[in-house]
Amino acid sequence: MKKYLTDLLTSPILLRTMVNTYLTESKRNKTLTDKQQKFLDCLVVTNGDLKQAAELAGYSNGNHYQVVKALKNEIIDFATDVLANSAPEAAFKLVEIMKTNKPMPQIQNKLQAAQAILDRVGVVKKERLDVNHNVTGGVFILPAKAVEKEVIEHKSQSELLQDDLEPIIEWENEGGS
């Protein structure tokens, strides 16, 4: 049963239905020609090979670059839908890897591929930030700072000379020669 579900998720019938339903008129800005629609249908058959899909749709050899440029948004929408349809398979693969006790070949590659698919479709690990702040006290108001003013004396040049001469005058008054 499990193998059947996995095959169903990637079956061409389901993918062909995706091509026809993902481009509903509400998603489409422009009307596609029959050849462009056939190109999108051929993407399913060729498993996403753009060059081969263009050839199958009837475009000349090497002309797939212009087709891709013209249908860029539709191709991106299609790829998003393919990944979304692969998301359940990726989720089951993660669970299978987690539960198995048997060795699996290329388990690391399968794990990374499953995680990448789930990341791209938006199924990502949620990070939670718990901000829990407990207020235990009220507001504490500090007193104003005491401002000390430094008084700087400015002396004139003559006052500075007088200060320098004072010891000499005292010495002469005491009888110094």
N, C-alpha and C. Protein backbone atom coordinates (compact mmCIF):
# COMPACT_ATOMS: atom_id res chain seq x y z
N MET A 1 0.84 -1.20 0.00
CA MET A 1 0.00 0.00 0.00
C MET A 1 0.87 1.25 0.00
N LYS A 2 1.94 1.26 0.81
CA LYS A 2 2.81 2.42 0.91
C LYS A 2 3.48 2.71 -0.43
N LYS A 3 3.96 1.68 -1.09
CA LYS A 3 4.61 1.85 -2.38
C LYS A 3 3.62 2.42 -3.39
N TYR A 4 2.37 1.97 -3.32
CA TYR A 4 1.34 2.47 -4.22
C TYR A 4 1.12 3.97 -4.01
N LEU A 5 1.07 4.42 -2.75
CA LEU A 5 0.88 5.84 -2.47
C LEU A 5 2.04 6.66 -2.98
N THR A 6 3.26 6.17 -2.79
CA THR A 6 4.44 6.88 -3.27
C THR A 6 4.41 7.00 -4.78
N ASP A 7 4.07 5.91 -5.46
CA ASP A 7 3.99 5.96 -6.92
C ASP A 7 2.89 6.89 -7.38
N LEU A 8 1.81 6.94 -6.65
CA LEU A 8 0.69 7.80 -7.02
C LEU A 8 1.08 9.27 -6.95
N LEU A 9 1.89 9.63 -5.95
CA LEU A 9 2.27 11.03 -5.79
C LEU A 9 3.12 11.53 -6.94
N THR A 10 3.87 10.65 -7.58
CA THR A 10 4.75 11.08 -8.67
C THR A 10 4.29 10.55 -10.03
N SER A 11 3.09 10.08 -10.10
CA SER A 11 2.61 9.50 -11.35
C SER A 11 2.37 10.58 -12.40
N PRO A 12 2.58 10.24 -13.67
CA PRO A 12 2.34 11.21 -14.75
C PRO A 12 0.89 11.68 -14.81
N ILE A 13 -0.04 10.84 -14.42
CA ILE A 13 -1.45 11.23 -14.47
C ILE A 13 -1.69 12.36 -13.47
N LEU A 14 -1.17 12.21 -12.26
CA LEU A 14 -1.35 13.25 -11.25
C LEU A 14 -0.64 14.53 -11.67
N LEU A 15 0.57 14.37 -12.20
CA LEU A 15 1.31 15.56 -12.62
C LEU A 15 0.65 16.23 -13.81
N ARG A 16 0.08 15.47 -14.73
CA ARG A 16 -0.63 16.06 -15.87
C ARG A 16 -1.84 16.84 -15.35
N THR A 17 -2.52 16.29 -14.37
CA THR A 17 -3.65 17.00 -13.77
C THR A 17 -3.18 18.29 -13.13
N MET A 18 -1.98 18.22 -12.52
CA MET A 18 -1.43 19.42 -11.92
C MET A 18 -1.21 20.50 -12.97
N VAL A 19 -0.66 20.14 -14.10
CA VAL A 19 -0.38 21.12 -15.15
C VAL A 19 -1.67 21.78 -15.58
N ASN A 20 -2.71 21.00 -15.73
CA ASN A 20 -3.98 21.54 -16.22
C ASN A 20 -4.71 22.34 -15.14
N THR A 21 -4.47 22.07 -13.88
CA THR A 21 -5.20 22.77 -12.83
C THR A 21 -4.42 23.90 -12.19
N TYR A 22 -3.10 23.85 -12.22
CA TYR A 22 -2.36 24.90 -11.54
C TYR A 22 -2.42 26.21 -12.30
N LEU A 23 -2.66 26.15 -13.58
CA LEU A 23 -2.74 27.36 -14.38
C LEU A 23 -4.20 27.77 -14.59
N THR A 24 -4.93 27.89 -13.52
CA THR A 24 -6.31 28.33 -13.63
C THR A 24 -6.31 29.80 -14.05
N GLU A 25 -7.42 30.26 -14.51
CA GLU A 25 -7.51 31.63 -15.02
C GLU A 25 -7.17 32.65 -13.94
N SER A 26 -7.42 32.35 -12.66
CA SER A 26 -7.12 33.31 -11.61
C SER A 26 -5.61 33.48 -11.44
N LYS A 27 -4.83 32.43 -11.71
CA LYS A 27 -3.38 32.52 -11.59
C LYS A 27 -2.73 33.08 -12.84
N ARG A 28 -3.36 32.94 -13.95
CA ARG A 28 -2.79 33.31 -15.24
C ARG A 28 -3.03 34.77 -15.54
N ASN A 29 -2.00 35.46 -15.99
CA ASN A 29 -2.16 36.84 -16.43
C ASN A 29 -2.37 36.89 -17.94
N LYS A 30 -1.93 35.86 -18.62
CA LYS A 30 -2.01 35.86 -20.08
C LYS A 30 -2.62 34.55 -20.56
N THR A 31 -3.09 34.58 -21.76
CA THR A 31 -3.65 33.39 -22.38
C THR A 31 -2.52 32.65 -23.07
N LEU A 32 -2.42 31.36 -22.80
CA LEU A 32 -1.38 30.55 -23.40
C LEU A 32 -1.83 30.03 -24.76
N THR A 33 -0.89 29.95 -25.68
CA THR A 33 -1.19 29.34 -26.98
C THR A 33 -1.24 27.83 -26.79
N ASP A 34 -1.78 27.13 -27.78
CA ASP A 34 -1.83 25.67 -27.70
C ASP A 34 -0.43 25.08 -27.59
N LYS A 35 0.51 25.68 -28.30
CA LYS A 35 1.89 25.20 -28.28
C LYS A 35 2.53 25.39 -26.90
N GLN A 36 2.26 26.54 -26.27
CA GLN A 36 2.78 26.80 -24.92
C GLN A 36 2.17 25.84 -23.91
N GLN A 37 0.86 25.59 -24.03
CA GLN A 37 0.20 24.65 -23.12
C GLN A 37 0.76 23.25 -23.32
N LYS A 38 1.02 22.89 -24.57
CA LYS A 38 1.60 21.57 -24.86
C LYS A 38 3.00 21.47 -24.26
N PHE A 39 3.76 22.56 -24.32
CA PHE A 39 5.09 22.58 -23.69
C PHE A 39 4.99 22.29 -22.20
N LEU A 40 4.04 22.94 -21.52
CA LEU A 40 3.87 22.72 -20.08
C LEU A 40 3.43 21.27 -19.81
N ASP A 41 2.58 20.73 -20.66
CA ASP A 41 2.17 19.33 -20.51
C ASP A 41 3.35 18.39 -20.72
N CYS A 42 4.22 18.73 -21.67
CA CYS A 42 5.39 17.88 -21.96
C CYS A 42 6.42 17.94 -20.85
N LEU A 43 6.39 18.98 -20.03
CA LEU A 43 7.31 19.04 -18.88
C LEU A 43 7.07 17.85 -17.94
N VAL A 44 5.82 17.43 -17.85
CA VAL A 44 5.48 16.28 -17.01
C VAL A 44 6.07 15.01 -17.60
N VAL A 45 5.89 14.83 -18.88
CA VAL A 45 6.34 13.62 -19.56
C VAL A 45 7.87 13.50 -19.51
N THR A 46 8.55 14.64 -19.64
CA THR A 46 10.02 14.63 -19.70
C THR A 46 10.67 14.82 -18.33
N ASN A 47 9.87 14.79 -17.29
CA ASN A 47 10.36 14.99 -15.91
C ASN A 47 11.12 16.30 -15.77
N GLY A 48 10.63 17.35 -16.41
CA GLY A 48 11.20 18.68 -16.24
C GLY A 48 12.30 19.05 -17.20
N ASP A 49 12.61 18.20 -18.19
CA ASP A 49 13.65 18.52 -19.18
C ASP A 49 13.09 19.55 -20.15
N LEU A 50 13.56 20.80 -20.01
CA LEU A 50 13.01 21.90 -20.79
C LEU A 50 13.27 21.75 -22.29
N LYS A 51 14.47 21.33 -22.65
CA LYS A 51 14.83 21.19 -24.06
C LYS A 51 13.98 20.11 -24.73
N GLN A 52 13.87 18.98 -24.05
CA GLN A 52 13.10 17.87 -24.62
C GLN A 52 11.61 18.22 -24.67
N ALA A 53 11.11 18.92 -23.67
CA ALA A 53 9.69 19.31 -23.67
C ALA A 53 9.40 20.27 -24.82
N ALA A 54 10.33 21.18 -25.10
CA ALA A 54 10.14 22.12 -26.21
C ALA A 54 10.11 21.38 -27.54
N GLU A 55 10.98 20.40 -27.71
CA GLU A 55 11.00 19.63 -28.95
C GLU A 55 9.71 18.84 -29.12
N LEU A 56 9.24 18.21 -28.02
CA LEU A 56 7.99 17.44 -28.10
C LEU A 56 6.78 18.34 -28.38
N ALA A 57 6.86 19.58 -27.93
CA ALA A 57 5.74 20.51 -28.14
C ALA A 57 5.75 21.08 -29.55
N GLY A 58 6.84 20.86 -30.29
CA GLY A 58 6.87 21.31 -31.67
C GLY A 58 7.73 22.53 -31.91
N TYR A 59 8.49 22.95 -30.92
CA TYR A 59 9.38 24.09 -31.11
C TYR A 59 10.65 23.61 -31.82
N SER A 60 11.28 24.51 -32.57
CA SER A 60 12.49 24.14 -33.29
C SER A 60 13.63 23.87 -32.31
N ASN A 61 14.59 23.08 -32.78
CA ASN A 61 15.71 22.67 -31.94
C ASN A 61 16.49 23.90 -31.46
N GLY A 62 16.77 23.99 -30.18
CA GLY A 62 17.51 25.10 -29.61
C GLY A 62 16.67 26.33 -29.33
N ASN A 63 15.37 26.25 -29.52
CA ASN A 63 14.49 27.38 -29.32
C ASN A 63 13.86 27.38 -27.93
N HIS A 64 14.28 26.46 -27.08
CA HIS A 64 13.64 26.34 -25.77
C HIS A 64 13.96 27.52 -24.85
N TYR A 65 15.03 28.26 -25.10
CA TYR A 65 15.36 29.41 -24.26
C TYR A 65 14.28 30.49 -24.35
N GLN A 66 13.79 30.74 -25.56
CA GLN A 66 12.74 31.74 -25.73
C GLN A 66 11.43 31.28 -25.09
N VAL A 67 11.16 30.00 -25.18
CA VAL A 67 9.93 29.45 -24.59
C VAL A 67 9.99 29.60 -23.07
N VAL A 68 11.14 29.26 -22.51
CA VAL A 68 11.31 29.35 -21.05
C VAL A 68 11.18 30.81 -20.61
N LYS A 69 11.77 31.72 -21.36
CA LYS A 69 11.69 33.14 -21.02
C LYS A 69 10.24 33.62 -21.05
N ALA A 70 9.49 33.18 -22.05
CA ALA A 70 8.09 33.60 -22.18
C ALA A 70 7.20 32.98 -21.09
N LEU A 71 7.54 31.78 -20.65
CA LEU A 71 6.70 31.06 -19.68
C LEU A 71 7.36 30.95 -18.30
N LYS A 72 8.24 31.87 -18.00
CA LYS A 72 9.01 31.80 -16.74
C LYS A 72 8.11 31.65 -15.51
N ASN A 73 7.12 32.51 -15.37
CA ASN A 73 6.25 32.47 -14.19
C ASN A 73 5.44 31.18 -14.13
N GLU A 74 4.97 30.70 -15.26
CA GLU A 74 4.19 29.45 -15.28
C GLU A 74 5.07 28.25 -14.92
N ILE A 75 6.32 28.27 -15.37
CA ILE A 75 7.25 27.18 -15.04
C ILE A 75 7.57 27.18 -13.55
N ILE A 76 7.75 28.37 -12.98
CA ILE A 76 8.02 28.47 -11.53
C ILE A 76 6.80 27.99 -10.74
N ASP A 77 5.61 28.38 -11.17
CA ASP A 77 4.39 27.90 -10.49
C ASP A 77 4.28 26.38 -10.58
N PHE A 78 4.61 25.84 -11.74
CA PHE A 78 4.57 24.39 -11.93
C PHE A 78 5.57 23.71 -11.00
N ALA A 79 6.79 24.22 -10.92
CA ALA A 79 7.82 23.63 -10.05
C ALA A 79 7.38 23.69 -8.59
N THR A 80 6.75 24.77 -8.20
CA THR A 80 6.24 24.90 -6.83
C THR A 80 5.19 23.84 -6.55
N ASP A 81 4.32 23.62 -7.52
CA ASP A 81 3.28 22.59 -7.35
C ASP A 81 3.88 21.19 -7.29
N VAL A 82 4.91 20.93 -8.08
CA VAL A 82 5.58 19.63 -8.04
C VAL A 82 6.17 19.40 -6.64
N LEU A 83 6.82 20.42 -6.10
CA LEU A 83 7.39 20.29 -4.75
C LEU A 83 6.29 20.11 -3.71
N ALA A 84 5.20 20.83 -3.86
CA ALA A 84 4.09 20.70 -2.91
C ALA A 84 3.51 19.29 -2.94
N ASN A 85 3.43 18.70 -4.13
CA ASN A 85 2.92 17.34 -4.24
C ASN A 85 3.92 16.31 -3.73
N SER A 86 5.18 16.67 -3.67
CA SER A 86 6.20 15.75 -3.15
C SER A 86 6.38 15.89 -1.65
N ALA A 87 5.79 16.91 -1.06
CA ALA A 87 5.96 17.15 0.38
C ALA A 87 5.48 15.99 1.25
N PRO A 88 4.32 15.38 0.97
CA PRO A 88 3.91 14.25 1.81
C PRO A 88 4.90 13.09 1.75
N GLU A 89 5.41 12.81 0.56
CA GLU A 89 6.40 11.74 0.41
C GLU A 89 7.66 12.07 1.21
N ALA A 90 8.08 13.33 1.18
CA ALA A 90 9.26 13.75 1.93
C ALA A 90 9.02 13.60 3.43
N ALA A 91 7.84 13.95 3.88
CA ALA A 91 7.52 13.83 5.30
C ALA A 91 7.54 12.37 5.73
N PHE A 92 6.95 11.50 4.91
CA PHE A 92 6.96 10.06 5.24
C PHE A 92 8.38 9.50 5.21
N LYS A 93 9.22 10.01 4.31
CA LYS A 93 10.61 9.54 4.24
C LYS A 93 11.37 9.93 5.51
N LEU A 94 11.12 11.13 6.02
CA LEU A 94 11.76 11.54 7.28
C LEU A 94 11.35 10.63 8.43
N VAL A 95 10.07 10.31 8.47
CA VAL A 95 9.58 9.42 9.54
C VAL A 95 10.16 8.02 9.37
N GLU A 96 10.23 7.54 8.13
CA GLU A 96 10.80 6.22 7.87
C GLU A 96 12.27 6.16 8.29
N ILE A 97 13.04 7.19 7.96
CA ILE A 97 14.45 7.24 8.35
C ILE A 97 14.57 7.26 9.86
N MET A 98 13.69 7.97 10.52
CA MET A 98 13.73 8.06 11.97
C MET A 98 13.43 6.72 12.64
N LYS A 99 12.48 5.96 12.08
CA LYS A 99 12.02 4.74 12.73
C LYS A 99 12.82 3.50 12.36
N THR A 100 13.58 3.54 11.29
CA THR A 100 14.24 2.32 10.82
C THR A 100 15.47 1.98 11.67
N ASN A 101 15.66 0.70 11.84
CA ASN A 101 16.87 0.20 12.50
C ASN A 101 17.80 -0.44 11.48
N LYS A 102 17.32 -0.55 10.25
CA LYS A 102 18.10 -1.17 9.18
C LYS A 102 18.99 -0.12 8.52
N PRO A 103 20.13 -0.53 8.02
CA PRO A 103 20.96 0.42 7.28
C PRO A 103 20.29 0.76 5.94
N MET A 104 20.31 2.02 5.60
CA MET A 104 19.70 2.47 4.34
C MET A 104 20.80 3.05 3.46
N PRO A 105 20.84 2.65 2.19
CA PRO A 105 21.85 3.23 1.31
C PRO A 105 21.55 4.71 1.06
N GLN A 106 22.57 5.52 1.08
CA GLN A 106 22.49 6.96 0.84
C GLN A 106 21.48 7.65 1.75
N ILE A 107 21.45 7.25 2.99
CA ILE A 107 20.48 7.80 3.94
C ILE A 107 20.67 9.30 4.13
N GLN A 108 21.92 9.76 4.15
CA GLN A 108 22.18 11.19 4.35
C GLN A 108 21.64 12.03 3.19
N ASN A 109 21.84 11.52 1.96
CA ASN A 109 21.33 12.24 0.79
C ASN A 109 19.80 12.29 0.79
N LYS A 110 19.17 11.18 1.14
CA LYS A 110 17.71 11.13 1.18
C LYS A 110 17.16 12.06 2.26
N LEU A 111 17.85 12.10 3.39
CA LEU A 111 17.44 12.97 4.49
C LEU A 111 17.53 14.44 4.06
N GLN A 112 18.63 14.81 3.44
CA GLN A 112 18.80 16.20 3.00
C GLN A 112 17.79 16.57 1.92
N ALA A 113 17.51 15.65 1.01
CA ALA A 113 16.53 15.93 -0.05
C ALA A 113 15.14 16.12 0.55
N ALA A 114 14.78 15.27 1.48
CA ALA A 114 13.46 15.39 2.12
C ALA A 114 13.35 16.70 2.88
N GLN A 115 14.41 17.07 3.61
CA GLN A 115 14.39 18.33 4.34
C GLN A 115 14.31 19.52 3.39
N ALA A 116 15.03 19.47 2.28
CA ALA A 116 15.02 20.58 1.31
C ALA A 116 13.64 20.76 0.70
N ILE A 117 12.97 19.66 0.37
CA ILE A 117 11.62 19.75 -0.20
C ILE A 117 10.67 20.37 0.81
N LEU A 118 10.73 19.90 2.04
CA LEU A 118 9.83 20.43 3.07
C LEU A 118 10.12 21.90 3.36
N ASP A 119 11.39 22.29 3.34
CA ASP A 119 11.74 23.70 3.54
C ASP A 119 11.18 24.57 2.43
N ARG A 120 11.27 24.09 1.21
CA ARG A 120 10.83 24.89 0.07
C ARG A 120 9.31 25.04 -0.02
N VAL A 121 8.59 24.08 0.53
CA VAL A 121 7.13 24.21 0.50
C VAL A 121 6.59 24.88 1.76
N GLY A 122 7.49 25.22 2.67
CA GLY A 122 7.07 25.98 3.84
C GLY A 122 6.88 25.18 5.11
N VAL A 123 7.21 23.90 5.10
CA VAL A 123 7.12 23.10 6.31
C VAL A 123 8.51 23.15 6.96
N VAL A 124 8.70 24.11 7.83
CA VAL A 124 10.01 24.32 8.44
C VAL A 124 9.90 24.24 9.95
N LYS A 125 11.06 24.05 10.54
CA LYS A 125 11.13 24.02 12.00
C LYS A 125 10.79 25.41 12.51
N LYS A 126 9.89 25.47 13.45
CA LYS A 126 9.50 26.76 14.01
C LYS A 126 10.38 27.07 15.21
N GLU A 127 10.88 28.27 15.22
CA GLU A 127 11.68 28.72 16.35
C GLU A 127 10.81 29.63 17.19
N ARG A 128 10.82 29.36 18.47
CA ARG A 128 10.01 30.18 19.37
C ARG A 128 10.92 30.95 20.30
N LEU A 129 10.56 32.17 20.53
CA LEU A 129 11.29 33.01 21.44
C LEU A 129 10.35 33.35 22.58
N ASP A 130 10.70 32.88 23.77
CA ASP A 130 9.86 33.11 24.92
C ASP A 130 10.45 34.24 25.73
N VAL A 131 9.79 35.38 25.71
CA VAL A 131 10.25 36.52 26.48
C VAL A 131 9.36 36.60 27.71
N ASN A 132 9.94 36.27 28.83
CA ASN A 132 9.20 36.27 30.08
C ASN A 132 9.95 37.18 31.04
N HIS A 133 9.39 38.34 31.32
CA HIS A 133 10.05 39.33 32.15
C HIS A 133 9.20 39.56 33.39
N ASN A 134 9.78 39.29 34.54
CA ASN A 134 9.06 39.50 35.79
C ASN A 134 9.54 40.80 36.43
N VAL A 135 8.62 41.68 36.70
CA VAL A 135 8.94 42.94 37.36
C VAL A 135 8.70 42.75 38.84
N THR A 136 9.75 42.99 39.66
CA THR A 136 9.61 42.76 41.09
C THR A 136 9.58 44.03 41.90
N GLY A 137 9.99 45.12 41.33
CA GLY A 137 10.03 46.36 42.09
C GLY A 137 9.47 47.49 41.28
N GLY A 138 9.39 48.65 41.97
CA GLY A 138 8.87 49.82 41.30
C GLY A 138 10.00 50.64 40.71
N VAL A 139 9.70 51.89 40.49
CA VAL A 139 10.66 52.80 39.92
C VAL A 139 11.48 53.41 41.04
N PHE A 140 12.77 53.46 40.87
CA PHE A 140 13.67 54.03 41.86
C PHE A 140 14.26 55.30 41.28
N ILE A 141 14.00 56.42 41.95
CA ILE A 141 14.49 57.70 41.45
C ILE A 141 15.72 58.10 42.24
N LEU A 142 16.79 58.37 41.53
CA LEU A 142 18.04 58.79 42.16
C LEU A 142 18.05 60.30 42.35
N PRO A 143 18.76 60.77 43.43
CA PRO A 143 18.86 62.22 43.60
C PRO A 143 19.76 62.82 42.52
N ALA A 144 19.61 64.10 42.34
CA ALA A 144 20.41 64.78 41.33
C ALA A 144 21.88 64.76 41.73
N LYS A 145 22.75 64.71 40.78
CA LYS A 145 24.18 64.70 41.04
C LYS A 145 24.62 66.06 41.54
N ALA A 146 25.53 66.03 42.51
CA ALA A 146 26.12 67.28 42.99
C ALA A 146 27.19 67.70 41.98
N VAL A 147 27.08 68.92 41.54
CA VAL A 147 28.00 69.42 40.54
C VAL A 147 29.05 70.27 41.25
N GLU A 148 30.27 69.88 41.13
CA GLU A 148 31.36 70.65 41.74
C GLU A 148 31.94 71.56 40.68
N LYS A 149 32.07 72.80 41.08
CA LYS A 149 32.65 73.76 40.16
C LYS A 149 34.08 74.03 40.60
N GLU A 150 34.94 73.98 39.69
CA GLU A 150 36.34 74.25 39.97
C GLU A 150 36.61 75.71 39.65
N VAL A 151 37.09 76.39 40.66
CA VAL A 151 37.38 77.81 40.47
C VAL A 151 38.83 77.93 40.05
N ILE A 152 39.01 78.51 38.95
CA ILE A 152 40.36 78.70 38.44
C ILE A 152 40.68 80.18 38.54
N GLU A 153 41.77 80.43 39.23
CA GLU A 153 42.18 81.83 39.39
C GLU A 153 43.03 82.24 38.21
N HIS A 154 42.73 83.37 37.73
CA HIS A 154 43.53 83.91 36.64
C HIS A 154 44.32 85.09 37.19
N LYS A 155 45.58 84.97 37.11
CA LYS A 155 46.44 86.05 37.59
C LYS A 155 47.04 86.77 36.39
N SER A 156 47.22 88.02 36.60
CA SER A 156 47.84 88.80 35.53
C SER A 156 49.34 88.54 35.53
N GLN A 157 49.99 88.99 34.50
CA GLN A 157 51.43 88.78 34.35
C GLN A 157 52.21 89.46 35.48
N SER A 158 51.81 90.62 35.86
CA SER A 158 52.52 91.34 36.93
C SER A 158 52.36 90.64 38.27
N GLU A 159 51.15 90.02 38.49
CA GLU A 159 50.94 89.29 39.74
C GLU A 159 51.81 88.03 39.78
N LEU A 160 51.99 87.38 38.65
CA LEU A 160 52.85 86.20 38.59
C LEU A 160 54.30 86.59 38.87
N LEU A 161 54.76 87.72 38.33
CA LEU A 161 56.12 88.20 38.58
C LEU A 161 56.30 88.54 40.05
N GLN A 162 55.28 89.15 40.64
CA GLN A 162 55.34 89.50 42.07
C GLN A 162 55.48 88.26 42.92
N ASP A 163 54.73 87.18 42.55
CA ASP A 163 54.80 85.92 43.29
C ASP A 163 56.20 85.31 43.18
N ASP A 164 56.80 85.43 41.99
CA ASP A 164 58.14 84.88 41.80
C ASP A 164 59.19 85.70 42.55
N LEU A 165 58.97 86.99 42.69
CA LEU A 165 59.94 87.86 43.35
C LEU A 165 59.81 87.84 44.86
N GLU A 166 58.73 87.46 45.43
CA GLU A 166 58.47 87.47 46.86
C GLU A 166 59.54 86.74 47.66
N PRO A 167 59.93 85.53 47.32
CA PRO A 167 60.97 84.87 48.11
C PRO A 167 62.30 85.64 48.07
N ILE A 168 62.59 86.25 46.94
CA ILE A 168 63.85 87.00 46.83
C ILE A 168 63.79 88.24 47.72
N ILE A 169 62.66 88.92 47.74
CA ILE A 169 62.52 90.14 48.57
C ILE A 169 62.61 89.75 50.04
N GLU A 170 62.01 88.66 50.45
CA GLU A 170 62.08 88.21 51.84
C GLU A 170 63.53 87.89 52.22
N TRP A 171 64.24 87.30 51.34
CA TRP A 171 65.62 86.94 51.62
C TRP A 171 66.48 88.18 51.80
N GLU A 172 66.24 89.20 50.94
CA GLU A 172 66.99 90.44 51.08
C GLU A 172 66.65 91.15 52.38
N ASN A 173 65.38 91.13 52.79
CA ASN A 173 64.96 91.76 54.03
C ASN A 173 65.57 91.08 55.24
N GLU A 174 65.85 89.84 55.15
CA GLU A 174 66.43 89.10 56.29
C GLU A 174 67.94 89.32 56.36
N GLY A 175 68.45 90.01 55.43
CA GLY A 175 69.89 90.30 55.49
C GLY A 175 70.68 89.51 54.51
N GLY A 176 70.04 88.96 53.57
CA GLY A 176 70.78 88.23 52.56
C GLY A 176 71.53 89.17 51.64
N SER A 177 72.63 88.77 51.12
CA SER A 177 73.40 89.69 50.32
C SER A 177 73.23 89.48 48.86
